[in-house]
Amino acid sequence: MCNTFGEKEEGGRTVLCGANAYEKKYYFNRKFDGIPPSIKDELHIICVLFTEEVGGIFTIVFEKDGSIVMETDFAPDDFLYDEISSGLMVREVRRNRQELFEALQLYYRVFVLHEQMDV
């Protein structure tokens, strides 16, 4: 993963949002401005709270197929970053926000990939 936010990563992956504890910044990809404001706010809270708790850089990324991954990274000289806590927190966020991530995956598949959904 890269230390800066970009709209695209290798393999057609797209960053949805992320937070950087070092720069105290939050990023939201404007490509997804169609997402309802309440969900944008929830994503903002998730990202910022994650980096406040664990530190480093946290991103939520759409894979090419529309699945969502949460990734963390840290500076080589960040001796306070705890990789174990980071992994535990990613699992907790995924478990507690499962419905949110399922809805975002559906949004991506319909509005970005233009897949037809069977009713």
C-alpha atoms as a PDB file:
ATOM      1  CA  MET A   1       0.000   0.000   0.000  1.00  0.00           C
ATOM      2  CA  CYS A   2       1.146   3.526  -0.604  1.00  0.00           C
ATOM      3  CA  ASN A   3       1.464   6.204   2.066  1.00  0.00           C
ATOM      4  CA  THR A   4      -0.602   8.736   0.131  1.00  0.00           C
ATOM      5  CA  PHE A   5      -4.191   8.496  -0.933  1.00  0.00           C
ATOM      6  CA  GLY A   6      -4.884   8.038  -4.616  1.00  0.00           C
ATOM      7  CA  GLU A   7      -7.998   7.238  -6.536  1.00  0.00           C
ATOM      8  CA  LYS A   8      -6.510   4.126  -8.099  1.00  0.00           C
ATOM      9  CA  GLU A   9      -4.092   1.518  -6.893  1.00  0.00           C
ATOM     10  CA  GLU A  10      -2.581  -1.419  -8.741  1.00  0.00           C
ATOM     11  CA  GLY A  11      -4.959  -3.851 -10.402  1.00  0.00           C
ATOM     12  CA  GLY A  12      -7.900  -1.475 -10.762  1.00  0.00           C
ATOM     13  CA  ARG A  13      -8.498  -1.089  -7.035  1.00  0.00           C
ATOM     14  CA  THR A  14     -10.158   2.146  -5.963  1.00  0.00           C
ATOM     15  CA  VAL A  15      -9.725   3.907  -2.634  1.00  0.00           C
ATOM     16  CA  LEU A  16     -13.085   4.891  -1.146  1.00  0.00           C
ATOM     17  CA  CYS A  17     -11.767   6.779   1.866  1.00  0.00           C
ATOM     18  CA  GLY A  18      -9.015   6.853   4.436  1.00  0.00           C
ATOM     19  CA  ALA A  19      -7.369   8.680   7.281  1.00  0.00           C
ATOM     20  CA  ASN A  20      -3.748   9.480   8.014  1.00  0.00           C
ATOM     21  CA  ALA A  21      -2.763   9.892  11.677  1.00  0.00           C
ATOM     22  CA  TYR A  22       0.588  11.460  10.772  1.00  0.00           C
ATOM     23  CA  GLU A  23      -0.887  14.286   8.722  1.00  0.00           C
ATOM     24  CA  LYS A  24      -4.189  14.411  10.661  1.00  0.00           C
ATOM     25  CA  LYS A  25      -6.102  14.238   7.371  1.00  0.00           C
ATOM     26  CA  TYR A  26      -9.165  12.422   6.066  1.00  0.00           C
ATOM     27  CA  TYR A  27      -9.682  11.608   2.390  1.00  0.00           C
ATOM     28  CA  PHE A  28     -12.941  10.775   0.606  1.00  0.00           C
ATOM     29  CA  ASN A  29     -12.865   9.883  -3.084  1.00  0.00           C
ATOM     30  CA  ARG A  30     -15.165  12.371  -4.869  1.00  0.00           C
ATOM     31  CA  LYS A  31     -15.984   9.662  -7.405  1.00  0.00           C
ATOM     32  CA  PHE A  32     -18.400   8.398  -4.741  1.00  0.00           C
ATOM     33  CA  ASP A  33     -20.197  11.672  -3.986  1.00  0.00           C
ATOM     34  CA  GLY A  34     -23.483   9.876  -4.776  1.00  0.00           C
ATOM     35  CA  ILE A  35     -23.247   7.969  -1.507  1.00  0.00           C
ATOM     36  CA  PRO A  36     -25.750   9.373   1.022  1.00  0.00           C
ATOM     37  CA  PRO A  37     -24.315  11.945   3.458  1.00  0.00           C
ATOM     38  CA  SER A  38     -25.126   9.812   6.508  1.00  0.00           C
ATOM     39  CA  ILE A  39     -22.986   6.975   5.135  1.00  0.00           C
ATOM     40  CA  LYS A  40     -20.186   9.403   4.235  1.00  0.00           C
ATOM     41  CA  ASP A  41     -20.298  10.662   7.822  1.00  0.00           C
ATOM     42  CA  GLU A  42     -20.157   7.115   9.173  1.00  0.00           C
ATOM     43  CA  LEU A  43     -17.142   6.314   6.978  1.00  0.00           C
ATOM     44  CA  HIS A  44     -15.438   9.495   8.162  1.00  0.00           C
ATOM     45  CA  ILE A  45     -16.001   8.517  11.796  1.00  0.00           C
ATOM     46  CA  ILE A  46     -14.754   4.949  11.227  1.00  0.00           C
ATOM     47  CA  CYS A  47     -11.534   6.111   9.551  1.00  0.00           C
ATOM     48  CA  VAL A  48     -10.688   8.898  11.980  1.00  0.00           C
ATOM     49  CA  LEU A  49     -11.472   6.853  15.095  1.00  0.00           C
ATOM     50  CA  PHE A  50      -9.373   3.993  13.734  1.00  0.00           C
ATOM     51  CA  THR A  51      -6.304   6.174  13.275  1.00  0.00           C
ATOM     52  CA  GLU A  52      -6.872   7.902  16.626  1.00  0.00           C
ATOM     53  CA  GLU A  53      -6.971   4.510  18.351  1.00  0.00           C
ATOM     54  CA  VAL A  54      -4.252   2.645  16.440  1.00  0.00           C
ATOM     55  CA  GLY A  55      -2.316   5.310  14.541  1.00  0.00           C
ATOM     56  CA  GLY A  56      -0.835   4.959  11.090  1.00  0.00           C
ATOM     57  CA  ILE A  57      -2.811   5.128   7.877  1.00  0.00           C
ATOM     58  CA  PHE A  58      -6.170   3.423   7.390  1.00  0.00           C
ATOM     59  CA  THR A  59      -7.939   3.038   4.046  1.00  0.00           C
ATOM     60  CA  ILE A  60     -11.116   1.429   2.824  1.00  0.00           C
ATOM     61  CA  VAL A  61     -10.613   0.156  -0.716  1.00  0.00           C
ATOM     62  CA  PHE A  62     -12.872  -1.346  -3.370  1.00  0.00           C
ATOM     63  CA  GLU A  63     -11.321  -4.335  -5.123  1.00  0.00           C
ATOM     64  CA  LYS A  64     -11.862  -4.668  -8.858  1.00  0.00           C
ATOM     65  CA  ASP A  65     -14.840  -7.014  -8.249  1.00  0.00           C
ATOM     66  CA  GLY A  66     -16.515  -4.600  -5.813  1.00  0.00           C
ATOM     67  CA  SER A  67     -15.489  -6.306  -2.584  1.00  0.00           C
ATOM     68  CA  ILE A  68     -14.201  -4.090   0.199  1.00  0.00           C
ATOM     69  CA  VAL A  69     -10.886  -4.337   1.997  1.00  0.00           C
ATOM     70  CA  MET A  70      -9.664  -2.350   4.940  1.00  0.00           C
ATOM     71  CA  GLU A  71      -5.938  -1.739   4.944  1.00  0.00           C
ATOM     72  CA  THR A  72      -3.508  -0.276   7.414  1.00  0.00           C
ATOM     73  CA  ASP A  73       0.003   1.004   6.974  1.00  0.00           C
ATOM     74  CA  PHE A  74       2.511   2.815   9.142  1.00  0.00           C
ATOM     75  CA  ALA A  75       5.727   4.760   8.884  1.00  0.00           C
ATOM     76  CA  PRO A  76       8.915   2.740   9.410  1.00  0.00           C
ATOM     77  CA  ASP A  77       9.916   4.969  12.326  1.00  0.00           C
ATOM     78  CA  ASP A  78       6.518   4.706  14.076  1.00  0.00           C
ATOM     79  CA  PHE A  79       7.442   2.577  17.076  1.00  0.00           C
ATOM     80  CA  LEU A  80       4.102   3.191  18.796  1.00  0.00           C
ATOM     81  CA  TYR A  81       2.050   1.562  16.017  1.00  0.00           C
ATOM     82  CA  ASP A  82       0.667  -1.790  17.153  1.00  0.00           C
ATOM     83  CA  GLU A  83       0.112  -4.228  14.284  1.00  0.00           C
ATOM     84  CA  ILE A  84      -1.749  -6.704  16.488  1.00  0.00           C
ATOM     85  CA  SER A  85      -4.224  -4.070  17.714  1.00  0.00           C
ATOM     86  CA  SER A  86      -4.608  -2.877  14.152  1.00  0.00           C
ATOM     87  CA  GLY A  87      -5.589  -6.337  12.922  1.00  0.00           C
ATOM     88  CA  LEU A  88      -8.002  -6.822  15.809  1.00  0.00           C
ATOM     89  CA  MET A  89      -9.613  -3.460  15.176  1.00  0.00           C
ATOM     90  CA  VAL A  90     -10.036  -4.178  11.437  1.00  0.00           C
ATOM     91  CA  ARG A  91     -11.898  -7.387  12.334  1.00  0.00           C
ATOM     92  CA  GLU A  92     -14.043  -5.523  14.867  1.00  0.00           C
ATOM     93  CA  VAL A  93     -14.951  -2.790  12.377  1.00  0.00           C
ATOM     94  CA  ARG A  94     -15.827  -5.387   9.727  1.00  0.00           C
ATOM     95  CA  ARG A  95     -18.008  -7.319  12.173  1.00  0.00           C
ATOM     96  CA  ASN A  96     -19.774  -4.254  13.620  1.00  0.00           C
ATOM     97  CA  ARG A  97     -20.322  -2.556  10.243  1.00  0.00           C
ATOM     98  CA  GLN A  98     -21.074  -5.625   8.125  1.00  0.00           C
ATOM     99  CA  GLU A  99     -24.369  -4.239   6.796  1.00  0.00           C
ATOM    100  CA  LEU A 100     -22.717  -0.945   5.847  1.00  0.00           C
ATOM    101  CA  PHE A 101     -20.005  -2.718   3.869  1.00  0.00           C
ATOM    102  CA  GLU A 102     -22.520  -5.003   2.147  1.00  0.00           C
ATOM    103  CA  ALA A 103     -24.531  -1.935   1.090  1.00  0.00           C
ATOM    104  CA  LEU A 104     -21.373  -0.208  -0.189  1.00  0.00           C
ATOM    105  CA  GLN A 105     -20.430  -3.301  -2.194  1.00  0.00           C
ATOM    106  CA  LEU A 106     -23.884  -3.325  -3.763  1.00  0.00           C
ATOM    107  CA  TYR A 107     -23.583   0.398  -4.537  1.00  0.00           C
ATOM    108  CA  TYR A 108     -20.227  -0.178  -6.248  1.00  0.00           C
ATOM    109  CA  ARG A 109     -21.494  -3.112  -8.289  1.00  0.00           C
ATOM    110  CA  VAL A 110     -24.590  -1.223  -9.480  1.00  0.00           C
ATOM    111  CA  PHE A 111     -23.301   2.330  -9.987  1.00  0.00           C
ATOM    112  CA  VAL A 112     -19.638   1.758 -10.867  1.00  0.00           C
ATOM    113  CA  LEU A 113     -19.523  -1.696 -12.448  1.00  0.00           C
ATOM    114  CA  HIS A 114     -23.067  -1.284 -13.916  1.00  0.00           C
ATOM    115  CA  GLU A 115     -24.055  -4.833 -13.022  1.00  0.00           C
ATOM    116  CA  GLN A 116     -27.695  -5.818 -13.350  1.00  0.00           C
ATOM    117  CA  MET A 117     -29.169  -6.991 -10.078  1.00  0.00           C
ATOM    118  CA  ASP A 118     -31.673  -9.833 -10.143  1.00  0.00           C
ATOM    119  CA  VAL A 119     -34.842  -8.929  -8.304  1.00  0.00           C
END
